[in-house]
Amino acid sequence: MSTDPRPALRTFLARFFQNRPLGDDENIFSLGYVNSMFALELVAFVEREFSFKVASEDLEIANFRSVDALAALVARKVRGDVA
């Protein structure tokens, strides 16, 4: 992928973590702000923003727990990697 997905991911996440700086490697699930509605919105944002469908096998917390993990998922999917 030619552009880093982190800025777009940070912008989206900032809407939910408005008063708290979020490190790229920080586990967003351990912060206590995440609920099922947020998780659905996050998946929908990733699909829309980066133009790929999140497959059921990709719906692992490890893929969504931080900006870095999300960026790695986006990079894999945009490259077309299966896993």
C-alpha atoms as a PDB file:
ATOM      1  CA  MET A   1       0.000   0.000   0.000  1.00  0.00           C
ATOM      2  CA  SER A   2       1.420   3.339  -0.978  1.00  0.00           C
ATOM      3  CA  THR A   3      -0.071   5.431   1.818  1.00  0.00           C
ATOM      4  CA  ASP A   4      -0.046   4.843   5.536  1.00  0.00           C
ATOM      5  CA  PRO A   5      -3.562   4.071   6.849  1.00  0.00           C
ATOM      6  CA  ARG A   6      -2.706   5.281  10.362  1.00  0.00           C
ATOM      7  CA  PRO A   7      -3.767   8.943   9.914  1.00  0.00           C
ATOM      8  CA  ALA A   8      -7.265   7.945   8.755  1.00  0.00           C
ATOM      9  CA  LEU A   9      -7.522   5.372  11.548  1.00  0.00           C
ATOM     10  CA  ARG A  10      -6.398   7.924  14.161  1.00  0.00           C
ATOM     11  CA  THR A  11      -8.939  10.468  12.898  1.00  0.00           C
ATOM     12  CA  PHE A  12     -11.773   7.948  13.129  1.00  0.00           C
ATOM     13  CA  LEU A  13     -10.749   6.731  16.585  1.00  0.00           C
ATOM     14  CA  ALA A  14     -10.332  10.293  17.886  1.00  0.00           C
ATOM     15  CA  ARG A  15     -14.085  10.718  17.585  1.00  0.00           C
ATOM     16  CA  PHE A  16     -14.486   8.097  20.315  1.00  0.00           C
ATOM     17  CA  PHE A  17     -11.420   8.950  22.431  1.00  0.00           C
ATOM     18  CA  GLN A  18     -11.803  12.748  22.286  1.00  0.00           C
ATOM     19  CA  ASN A  19     -10.162  13.639  25.558  1.00  0.00           C
ATOM     20  CA  ARG A  20      -7.487  10.986  25.545  1.00  0.00           C
ATOM     21  CA  PRO A  21      -4.398  10.753  23.346  1.00  0.00           C
ATOM     22  CA  LEU A  22      -4.121   7.281  21.864  1.00  0.00           C
ATOM     23  CA  GLY A  23      -0.789   5.659  21.059  1.00  0.00           C
ATOM     24  CA  ASP A  24      -0.582   3.605  17.874  1.00  0.00           C
ATOM     25  CA  ASP A  25       0.297   0.479  19.858  1.00  0.00           C
ATOM     26  CA  GLU A  26      -2.222   1.050  22.666  1.00  0.00           C
ATOM     27  CA  ASN A  27      -4.898  -1.614  23.145  1.00  0.00           C
ATOM     28  CA  ILE A  28      -8.206   0.208  22.624  1.00  0.00           C
ATOM     29  CA  PHE A  29     -10.173  -2.696  24.092  1.00  0.00           C
ATOM     30  CA  SER A  30      -8.344  -2.561  27.418  1.00  0.00           C
ATOM     31  CA  LEU A  31      -9.241   1.124  27.853  1.00  0.00           C
ATOM     32  CA  GLY A  32     -12.893   0.346  28.595  1.00  0.00           C
ATOM     33  CA  TYR A  33     -14.391   2.580  25.907  1.00  0.00           C
ATOM     34  CA  VAL A  34     -15.207  -0.156  23.414  1.00  0.00           C
ATOM     35  CA  ASN A  35     -18.649  -1.705  23.133  1.00  0.00           C
ATOM     36  CA  SER A  36     -20.332  -3.824  20.473  1.00  0.00           C
ATOM     37  CA  MET A  37     -21.726  -0.772  18.639  1.00  0.00           C
ATOM     38  CA  PHE A  38     -18.252   0.772  18.439  1.00  0.00           C
ATOM     39  CA  ALA A  39     -16.841  -2.517  17.123  1.00  0.00           C
ATOM     40  CA  LEU A  40     -19.453  -2.584  14.344  1.00  0.00           C
ATOM     41  CA  GLU A  41     -18.747   1.046  13.461  1.00  0.00           C
ATOM     42  CA  LEU A  42     -15.014   0.340  13.360  1.00  0.00           C
ATOM     43  CA  VAL A  43     -15.448  -2.602  10.970  1.00  0.00           C
ATOM     44  CA  ALA A  44     -17.785  -0.562   8.751  1.00  0.00           C
ATOM     45  CA  PHE A  45     -15.324   2.353   8.704  1.00  0.00           C
ATOM     46  CA  VAL A  46     -12.393   0.122   7.734  1.00  0.00           C
ATOM     47  CA  GLU A  47     -14.400  -1.478   4.920  1.00  0.00           C
ATOM     48  CA  ARG A  48     -15.616   1.857   3.585  1.00  0.00           C
ATOM     49  CA  GLU A  49     -12.395   3.819   3.994  1.00  0.00           C
ATOM     50  CA  PHE A  50     -10.047   1.202   2.547  1.00  0.00           C
ATOM     51  CA  SER A  51     -12.418  -0.448   0.030  1.00  0.00           C
ATOM     52  CA  PHE A  52     -12.307  -4.064   1.096  1.00  0.00           C
ATOM     53  CA  LYS A  53     -14.633  -6.456   2.872  1.00  0.00           C
ATOM     54  CA  VAL A  54     -13.563  -7.669   6.300  1.00  0.00           C
ATOM     55  CA  ALA A  55     -13.911 -11.441   6.111  1.00  0.00           C
ATOM     56  CA  SER A  56     -15.257 -13.427   9.047  1.00  0.00           C
ATOM     57  CA  GLU A  57     -11.795 -14.922   9.640  1.00  0.00           C
ATOM     58  CA  ASP A  58     -10.457 -11.366  10.046  1.00  0.00           C
ATOM     59  CA  LEU A  59     -12.886 -10.570  12.872  1.00  0.00           C
ATOM     60  CA  GLU A  60     -10.332 -11.300  15.574  1.00  0.00           C
ATOM     61  CA  ILE A  61      -9.744  -8.815  18.370  1.00  0.00           C
ATOM     62  CA  ALA A  62      -6.020  -8.995  17.587  1.00  0.00           C
ATOM     63  CA  ASN A  63      -6.695  -7.337  14.194  1.00  0.00           C
ATOM     64  CA  PHE A  64      -8.583  -4.424  15.756  1.00  0.00           C
ATOM     65  CA  ARG A  65      -6.936  -3.838  19.125  1.00  0.00           C
ATOM     66  CA  SER A  66      -4.677  -0.938  18.132  1.00  0.00           C
ATOM     67  CA  VAL A  67      -3.929   1.499  15.347  1.00  0.00           C
ATOM     68  CA  ASP A  68      -0.865  -0.580  14.471  1.00  0.00           C
ATOM     69  CA  ALA A  69      -2.903  -3.815  14.329  1.00  0.00           C
ATOM     70  CA  LEU A  70      -5.537  -2.155  12.161  1.00  0.00           C
ATOM     71  CA  ALA A  71      -2.871  -0.735   9.853  1.00  0.00           C
ATOM     72  CA  ALA A  72      -1.379  -4.223   9.458  1.00  0.00           C
ATOM     73  CA  LEU A  73      -4.821  -5.670   8.643  1.00  0.00           C
ATOM     74  CA  VAL A  74      -5.447  -2.946   6.062  1.00  0.00           C
ATOM     75  CA  ALA A  75      -2.026  -3.498   4.480  1.00  0.00           C
ATOM     76  CA  ARG A  76      -2.615  -7.267   4.217  1.00  0.00           C
ATOM     77  CA  LYS A  77      -6.084  -6.889   2.743  1.00  0.00           C
ATOM     78  CA  VAL A  78      -5.104  -4.173   0.264  1.00  0.00           C
ATOM     79  CA  ARG A  79      -2.185  -6.325  -0.891  1.00  0.00           C
ATOM     80  CA  GLY A  80      -4.650  -9.196  -1.298  1.00  0.00           C
ATOM     81  CA  ASP A  81      -3.140 -11.528   1.276  1.00  0.00           C
ATOM     82  CA  VAL A  82      -5.582 -14.248   2.267  1.00  0.00           C
ATOM     83  CA  ALA A  83      -4.575 -14.455   5.918  1.00  0.00           C
END
